[in-house]
Structures are given as C-alpha cells and as structure tokens.
Amino acid sequence: MGSAFACEYFFQGEIRGRAQVLLDTLSRRGLSPSAENRSRIEACTDLVEVTGWLQKAITAEAIDEVFGQE
C-alpha cells in the first residue's frame, strides 16, 4: 500500500467510516447508544472491535446486545 504513514491513515479512515456505519445502523434500527457508548464508538481505534459491534447491531433488538458483556 505504500509507506507506513499512508497505511496508518488508511486504517484510521477505515475505522472512522465503519464507526459511522455503526452509528447509522443503530439509528435506522431505532437503537440509541448512550453518550458513553457513542464516545466509546468514536474513540475506538480497533477495527475488529468496531466490526464486531456493527455485526451485532445488524440483528440486535436492544442496545445492550451490542455493547453488553463481550
């Protein structure tokens, strides 16, 4: 992909994009994250963790199913 610098910014963008998709998915499904959970999403730097939350959000019936005990 190029330099380490470029890779780092690419992955940061990927994480931010996936976090936004997570927030959009929660909103469209009528699930409102708490301020704490929203901050957690926005501060996350782990692509695997954000992806896991997103996968849970697709089928969750309650917000606790997304951010509950992991």
PDB file of N, CA and C in Angstrom:
ATOM      1  N   MET A   1       0.825  -1.186   0.000  1.00  0.00           N
ATOM      2  CA  MET A   1       0.000   0.000   0.000  1.00  0.00           C
ATOM      3  C   MET A   1       0.865   1.244   0.000  1.00  0.00           C
ATOM      4  N   GLY A   2       2.079   1.158   0.400  1.00  0.00           N
ATOM      5  CA  GLY A   2       2.925   2.341   0.422  1.00  0.00           C
ATOM      6  C   GLY A   2       3.591   2.484   1.768  1.00  0.00           C
ATOM      7  N   SER A   3       3.817   3.700   2.151  1.00  0.00           N
ATOM      8  CA  SER A   3       4.521   3.975   3.401  1.00  0.00           C
ATOM      9  C   SER A   3       3.672   3.607   4.618  1.00  0.00           C
ATOM     10  N   ALA A   4       4.371   3.445   5.729  1.00  0.00           N
ATOM     11  CA  ALA A   4       3.674   3.170   6.989  1.00  0.00           C
ATOM     12  C   ALA A   4       2.735   4.318   7.339  1.00  0.00           C
ATOM     13  N   PHE A   5       3.164   5.525   7.030  1.00  0.00           N
ATOM     14  CA  PHE A   5       2.354   6.719   7.274  1.00  0.00           C
ATOM     15  C   PHE A   5       1.030   6.630   6.519  1.00  0.00           C
ATOM     16  N   ALA A   6       1.100   6.276   5.251  1.00  0.00           N
ATOM     17  CA  ALA A   6      -0.104   6.158   4.428  1.00  0.00           C
ATOM     18  C   ALA A   6      -1.006   5.037   4.937  1.00  0.00           C
ATOM     19  N   CYS A   7      -0.413   3.925   5.299  1.00  0.00           N
ATOM     20  CA  CYS A   7      -1.193   2.797   5.826  1.00  0.00           C
ATOM     21  C   CYS A   7      -1.939   3.181   7.094  1.00  0.00           C
ATOM     22  N   GLU A   8      -1.257   3.879   7.980  1.00  0.00           N
ATOM     23  CA  GLU A   8      -1.877   4.296   9.241  1.00  0.00           C
ATOM     24  C   GLU A   8      -3.107   5.162   8.983  1.00  0.00           C
ATOM     25  N   TYR A   9      -2.986   6.128   8.079  1.00  0.00           N
ATOM     26  CA  TYR A   9      -4.122   6.997   7.780  1.00  0.00           C
ATOM     27  C   TYR A   9      -5.233   6.258   7.054  1.00  0.00           C
ATOM     28  N   PHE A  10      -4.889   5.308   6.225  1.00  0.00           N
ATOM     29  CA  PHE A  10      -5.893   4.486   5.564  1.00  0.00           C
ATOM     30  C   PHE A  10      -6.710   3.729   6.606  1.00  0.00           C
ATOM     31  N   PHE A  11      -6.047   3.076   7.549  1.00  0.00           N
ATOM     32  CA  PHE A  11      -6.759   2.291   8.556  1.00  0.00           C
ATOM     33  C   PHE A  11      -7.556   3.163   9.513  1.00  0.00           C
ATOM     34  N   GLN A  12      -7.039   4.339   9.832  1.00  0.00           N
ATOM     35  CA  GLN A  12      -7.812   5.267  10.665  1.00  0.00           C
ATOM     36  C   GLN A  12      -9.098   5.665   9.953  1.00  0.00           C
ATOM     37  N   GLY A  13      -9.003   5.914   8.662  1.00  0.00           N
ATOM     38  CA  GLY A  13     -10.184   6.254   7.869  1.00  0.00           C
ATOM     39  C   GLY A  13     -11.159   5.096   7.791  1.00  0.00           C
ATOM     40  N   GLU A  14     -10.639   3.905   7.666  1.00  0.00           N
ATOM     41  CA  GLU A  14     -11.481   2.698   7.630  1.00  0.00           C
ATOM     42  C   GLU A  14     -12.241   2.546   8.947  1.00  0.00           C
ATOM     43  N   ILE A  15     -11.564   2.750  10.051  1.00  0.00           N
ATOM     44  CA  ILE A  15     -12.204   2.639  11.366  1.00  0.00           C
ATOM     45  C   ILE A  15     -13.274   3.714  11.523  1.00  0.00           C
ATOM     46  N   ARG A  16     -12.935   4.952  11.177  1.00  0.00           N
ATOM     47  CA  ARG A  16     -13.915   6.045  11.294  1.00  0.00           C
ATOM     48  C   ARG A  16     -15.129   5.797  10.415  1.00  0.00           C
ATOM     49  N   GLY A  17     -14.895   5.303   9.207  1.00  0.00           N
ATOM     50  CA  GLY A  17     -16.006   5.004   8.308  1.00  0.00           C
ATOM     51  C   GLY A  17     -16.899   3.910   8.853  1.00  0.00           C
ATOM     52  N   ARG A  18     -16.295   2.867   9.379  1.00  0.00           N
ATOM     53  CA  ARG A  18     -17.079   1.766   9.930  1.00  0.00           C
ATOM     54  C   ARG A  18     -17.827   2.211  11.177  1.00  0.00           C
ATOM     55  N   ALA A  19     -17.220   3.082  11.975  1.00  0.00           N
ATOM     56  CA  ALA A  19     -17.891   3.620  13.162  1.00  0.00           C
ATOM     57  C   ALA A  19     -19.125   4.422  12.746  1.00  0.00           C
ATOM     58  N   GLN A  20     -19.014   5.184  11.667  1.00  0.00           N
ATOM     59  CA  GLN A  20     -20.161   5.953  11.196  1.00  0.00           C
ATOM     60  C   GLN A  20     -21.260   5.037  10.692  1.00  0.00           C
ATOM     61  N   VAL A  21     -20.897   3.963  10.001  1.00  0.00           N
ATOM     62  CA  VAL A  21     -21.887   2.986   9.549  1.00  0.00           C
ATOM     63  C   VAL A  21     -22.570   2.352  10.761  1.00  0.00           C
ATOM     64  N   LEU A  22     -21.817   2.076  11.808  1.00  0.00           N
ATOM     65  CA  LEU A  22     -22.392   1.533  13.041  1.00  0.00           C
ATOM     66  C   LEU A  22     -23.414   2.498  13.622  1.00  0.00           C
ATOM     67  N   LEU A  23     -23.052   3.763  13.750  1.00  0.00           N
ATOM     68  CA  LEU A  23     -23.988   4.758  14.292  1.00  0.00           C
ATOM     69  C   LEU A  23     -25.229   4.881  13.402  1.00  0.00           C
ATOM     70  N   ASP A  24     -25.041   4.872  12.095  1.00  0.00           N
ATOM     71  CA  ASP A  24     -26.177   4.940  11.162  1.00  0.00           C
ATOM     72  C   ASP A  24     -27.074   3.720  11.291  1.00  0.00           C
ATOM     73  N   THR A  25     -26.463   2.549  11.421  1.00  0.00           N
ATOM     74  CA  THR A  25     -27.231   1.306  11.564  1.00  0.00           C
ATOM     75  C   THR A  25     -28.052   1.331  12.849  1.00  0.00           C
ATOM     76  N   LEU A  26     -27.432   1.745  13.939  1.00  0.00           N
ATOM     77  CA  LEU A  26     -28.159   1.833  15.205  1.00  0.00           C
ATOM     78  C   LEU A  26     -29.345   2.791  15.073  1.00  0.00           C
ATOM     79  N   SER A  27     -29.107   3.924  14.459  1.00  0.00           N
ATOM     80  CA  SER A  27     -30.163   4.916  14.282  1.00  0.00           C
ATOM     81  C   SER A  27     -31.311   4.364  13.451  1.00  0.00           C
ATOM     82  N   ARG A  28     -30.986   3.753  12.326  1.00  0.00           N
ATOM     83  CA  ARG A  28     -32.019   3.210  11.433  1.00  0.00           C
ATOM     84  C   ARG A  28     -32.820   2.093  12.092  1.00  0.00           C
ATOM     85  N   ARG A  29     -32.192   1.400  13.039  1.00  0.00           N
ATOM     86  CA  ARG A  29     -32.875   0.304  13.727  1.00  0.00           C
ATOM     87  C   ARG A  29     -33.582   0.778  14.989  1.00  0.00           C
ATOM     88  N   GLY A  30     -33.521   2.088  15.272  1.00  0.00           N
ATOM     89  CA  GLY A  30     -34.191   2.639  16.438  1.00  0.00           C
ATOM     90  C   GLY A  30     -33.480   2.358  17.747  1.00  0.00           C
ATOM     91  N   LEU A  31     -32.192   2.081  17.680  1.00  0.00           N
ATOM     92  CA  LEU A  31     -31.387   1.803  18.872  1.00  0.00           C
ATOM     93  C   LEU A  31     -30.519   3.022  19.155  1.00  0.00           C
ATOM     94  N   SER A  32     -30.685   3.604  20.319  1.00  0.00           N
ATOM     95  CA  SER A  32     -29.951   4.824  20.660  1.00  0.00           C
ATOM     96  C   SER A  32     -28.826   4.516  21.636  1.00  0.00           C
ATOM     97  N   PRO A  33     -27.578   4.695  21.193  1.00  0.00           N
ATOM     98  CA  PRO A  33     -26.472   4.469  22.126  1.00  0.00           C
ATOM     99  C   PRO A  33     -26.421   5.585  23.171  1.00  0.00           C
ATOM    100  N   SER A  34     -26.022   5.228  24.367  1.00  0.00           N
ATOM    101  CA  SER A  34     -25.831   6.229  25.418  1.00  0.00           C
ATOM    102  C   SER A  34     -24.669   7.135  25.012  1.00  0.00           C
ATOM    103  N   ALA A  35     -24.536   8.248  25.707  1.00  0.00           N
ATOM    104  CA  ALA A  35     -23.406   9.143  25.456  1.00  0.00           C
ATOM    105  C   ALA A  35     -22.091   8.393  25.667  1.00  0.00           C
ATOM    106  N   GLU A  36     -22.077   7.526  26.674  1.00  0.00           N
ATOM    107  CA  GLU A  36     -20.869   6.732  26.949  1.00  0.00           C
ATOM    108  C   GLU A  36     -20.546   5.802  25.788  1.00  0.00           C
ATOM    109  N   ASN A  37     -21.569   5.113  25.265  1.00  0.00           N
ATOM    110  CA  ASN A  37     -21.337   4.204  24.141  1.00  0.00           C
ATOM    111  C   ASN A  37     -20.959   4.967  22.877  1.00  0.00           C
ATOM    112  N   ARG A  38     -21.578   6.116  22.645  1.00  0.00           N
ATOM    113  CA  ARG A  38     -21.228   6.935  21.475  1.00  0.00           C
ATOM    114  C   ARG A  38     -19.762   7.373  21.572  1.00  0.00           C
ATOM    115  N   SER A  39     -19.336   7.791  22.747  1.00  0.00           N
ATOM    116  CA  SER A  39     -17.938   8.172  22.949  1.00  0.00           C
ATOM    117  C   SER A  39     -17.013   6.985  22.727  1.00  0.00           C
ATOM    118  N   ARG A  40     -17.444   5.834  23.191  1.00  0.00           N
ATOM    119  CA  ARG A  40     -16.661   4.607  23.026  1.00  0.00           C
ATOM    120  C   ARG A  40     -16.486   4.282  21.538  1.00  0.00           C
ATOM    121  N   ILE A  41     -17.558   4.426  20.777  1.00  0.00           N
ATOM    122  CA  ILE A  41     -17.501   4.177  19.338  1.00  0.00           C
ATOM    123  C   ILE A  41     -16.544   5.165  18.676  1.00  0.00           C
ATOM    124  N   GLU A  42     -16.714   6.431  18.987  1.00  0.00           N
ATOM    125  CA  GLU A  42     -15.929   7.482  18.340  1.00  0.00           C
ATOM    126  C   GLU A  42     -14.454   7.430  18.719  1.00  0.00           C
ATOM    127  N   ALA A  43     -14.144   6.907  19.903  1.00  0.00           N
ATOM    128  CA  ALA A  43     -12.757   6.836  20.362  1.00  0.00           C
ATOM    129  C   ALA A  43     -12.059   5.533  19.981  1.00  0.00           C
ATOM    130  N   CYS A  44     -12.818   4.570  19.505  1.00  0.00           N
ATOM    131  CA  CYS A  44     -12.253   3.241  19.223  1.00  0.00           C
ATOM    132  C   CYS A  44     -11.222   3.305  18.096  1.00  0.00           C
ATOM    133  N   THR A  45     -10.113   2.622  18.294  1.00  0.00           N
ATOM    134  CA  THR A  45      -9.062   2.544  17.277  1.00  0.00           C
ATOM    135  C   THR A  45      -8.828   1.104  16.822  1.00  0.00           C
ATOM    136  N   ASP A  46      -9.751   0.219  17.163  1.00  0.00           N
ATOM    137  CA  ASP A  46      -9.621  -1.202  16.861  1.00  0.00           C
ATOM    138  C   ASP A  46     -10.671  -1.595  15.819  1.00  0.00           C
ATOM    139  N   LEU A  47     -10.230  -1.854  14.592  1.00  0.00           N
ATOM    140  CA  LEU A  47     -11.138  -2.192  13.508  1.00  0.00           C
ATOM    141  C   LEU A  47     -11.942  -3.455  13.822  1.00  0.00           C
ATOM    142  N   VAL A  48     -11.327  -4.420  14.447  1.00  0.00           N
ATOM    143  CA  VAL A  48     -12.008  -5.671  14.790  1.00  0.00           C
ATOM    144  C   VAL A  48     -13.143  -5.414  15.780  1.00  0.00           C
ATOM    145  N   GLU A  49     -12.896  -4.561  16.759  1.00  0.00           N
ATOM    146  CA  GLU A  49     -13.919  -4.253  17.754  1.00  0.00           C
ATOM    147  C   GLU A  49     -15.101  -3.516  17.122  1.00  0.00           C
ATOM    148  N   VAL A  50     -14.822  -2.502  16.301  1.00  0.00           N
ATOM    149  CA  VAL A  50     -15.896  -1.758  15.645  1.00  0.00           C
ATOM    150  C   VAL A  50     -16.694  -2.687  14.735  1.00  0.00           C
ATOM    151  N   THR A  51     -16.015  -3.557  14.019  1.00  0.00           N
ATOM    152  CA  THR A  51     -16.687  -4.506  13.137  1.00  0.00           C
ATOM    153  C   THR A  51     -17.570  -5.453  13.934  1.00  0.00           C
ATOM    154  N   GLY A  52     -17.094  -5.895  15.085  1.00  0.00           N
ATOM    155  CA  GLY A  52     -17.898  -6.770  15.949  1.00  0.00           C
ATOM    156  C   GLY A  52     -19.168  -6.084  16.415  1.00  0.00           C
ATOM    157  N   TRP A  53     -19.046  -4.823  16.830  1.00  0.00           N
ATOM    158  CA  TRP A  53     -20.233  -4.072  17.247  1.00  0.00           C
ATOM    159  C   TRP A  53     -21.210  -3.925  16.085  1.00  0.00           C
ATOM    160  N   LEU A  54     -20.670  -3.638  14.900  1.00  0.00           N
ATOM    161  CA  LEU A  54     -21.520  -3.469  13.728  1.00  0.00           C
ATOM    162  C   LEU A  54     -22.266  -4.758  13.415  1.00  0.00           C
ATOM    163  N   GLN A  55     -21.599  -5.880  13.463  1.00  0.00           N
ATOM    164  CA  GLN A  55     -22.241  -7.164  13.203  1.00  0.00           C
ATOM    165  C   GLN A  55     -23.352  -7.434  14.212  1.00  0.00           C
ATOM    166  N   LYS A  56     -23.118  -7.114  15.473  1.00  0.00           N
ATOM    167  CA  LYS A  56     -24.151  -7.290  16.496  1.00  0.00           C
ATOM    168  C   LYS A  56     -25.314  -6.337  16.263  1.00  0.00           C
ATOM    169  N   ALA A  57     -25.016  -5.104  15.841  1.00  0.00           N
ATOM    170  CA  ALA A  57     -26.052  -4.088  15.641  1.00  0.00           C
ATOM    171  C   ALA A  57     -27.035  -4.483  14.543  1.00  0.00           C
ATOM    172  N   ILE A  58     -26.594  -5.278  13.604  1.00  0.00           N
ATOM    173  CA  ILE A  58     -27.448  -5.673  12.480  1.00  0.00           C
ATOM    174  C   ILE A  58     -28.646  -6.476  12.960  1.00  0.00           C
ATOM    175  N   THR A  59     -28.465  -7.283  14.004  1.00  0.00           N
ATOM    176  CA  THR A  59     -29.556  -8.149  14.464  1.00  0.00           C
ATOM    177  C   THR A  59     -30.046  -7.840  15.876  1.00  0.00           C
ATOM    178  N   ALA A  60     -29.382  -6.951  16.577  1.00  0.00           N
ATOM    179  CA  ALA A  60     -29.735  -6.657  17.975  1.00  0.00           C
ATOM    180  C   ALA A  60     -31.137  -6.062  18.074  1.00  0.00           C
ATOM    181  N   GLU A  61     -31.833  -6.468  19.117  1.00  0.00           N
ATOM    182  CA  GLU A  61     -33.148  -5.902  19.399  1.00  0.00           C
ATOM    183  C   GLU A  61     -33.066  -4.846  20.492  1.00  0.00           C
ATOM    184  N   ALA A  62     -31.931  -4.791  21.174  1.00  0.00           N
ATOM    185  CA  ALA A  62     -31.702  -3.801  22.234  1.00  0.00           C
ATOM    186  C   ALA A  62     -30.236  -3.391  22.198  1.00  0.00           C
ATOM    187  N   ILE A  63     -29.975  -2.165  22.612  1.00  0.00           N
ATOM    188  CA  ILE A  63     -28.611  -1.627  22.569  1.00  0.00           C
ATOM    189  C   ILE A  63     -27.658  -2.447  23.438  1.00  0.00           C
ATOM    190  N   ASP A  64     -28.157  -3.025  24.526  1.00  0.00           N
ATOM    191  CA  ASP A  64     -27.314  -3.848  25.398  1.00  0.00           C
ATOM    192  C   ASP A  64     -26.763  -5.073  24.685  1.00  0.00           C
ATOM    193  N   GLU A  65     -27.441  -5.532  23.649  1.00  0.00           N
ATOM    194  CA  GLU A  65     -26.954  -6.683  22.881  1.00  0.00           C
ATOM    195  C   GLU A  65     -25.721  -6.312  22.071  1.00  0.00           C
ATOM    196  N   VAL A  66     -25.554  -5.054  21.776  1.00  0.00           N
ATOM    197  CA  VAL A  66     -24.392  -4.594  21.007  1.00  0.00           C
ATOM    198  C   VAL A  66     -23.203  -4.346  21.929  1.00  0.00           C
ATOM    199  N   PHE A  67     -23.442  -3.674  23.052  1.00  0.00           N
ATOM    200  CA  PHE A  67     -22.350  -3.242  23.922  1.00  0.00           C
ATOM    201  C   PHE A  67     -22.316  -3.953  25.260  1.00  0.00           C
ATOM    202  N   GLY A  68     -23.152  -4.968  25.453  1.00  0.00           N
ATOM    203  CA  GLY A  68     -23.195  -5.687  26.725  1.00  0.00           C
ATOM    204  C   GLY A  68     -21.929  -6.493  26.944  1.00  0.00           C
ATOM    205  N   GLN A  69     -22.010  -7.435  27.821  1.00  0.00           N
ATOM    206  CA  GLN A  69     -20.869  -8.283  28.124  1.00  0.00           C
ATOM    207  C   GLN A  69     -20.336  -8.903  26.852  1.00  0.00           C
ATOM    208  N   GLU A  70     -19.016  -8.784  26.660  1.00  0.00           N
ATOM    209  CA  GLU A  70     -18.387  -9.318  25.444  1.00  0.00           C
ATOM    210  C   GLU A  70     -17.457 -10.444  25.776  1.00  0.00           C
TER     211      GLU A  70
END
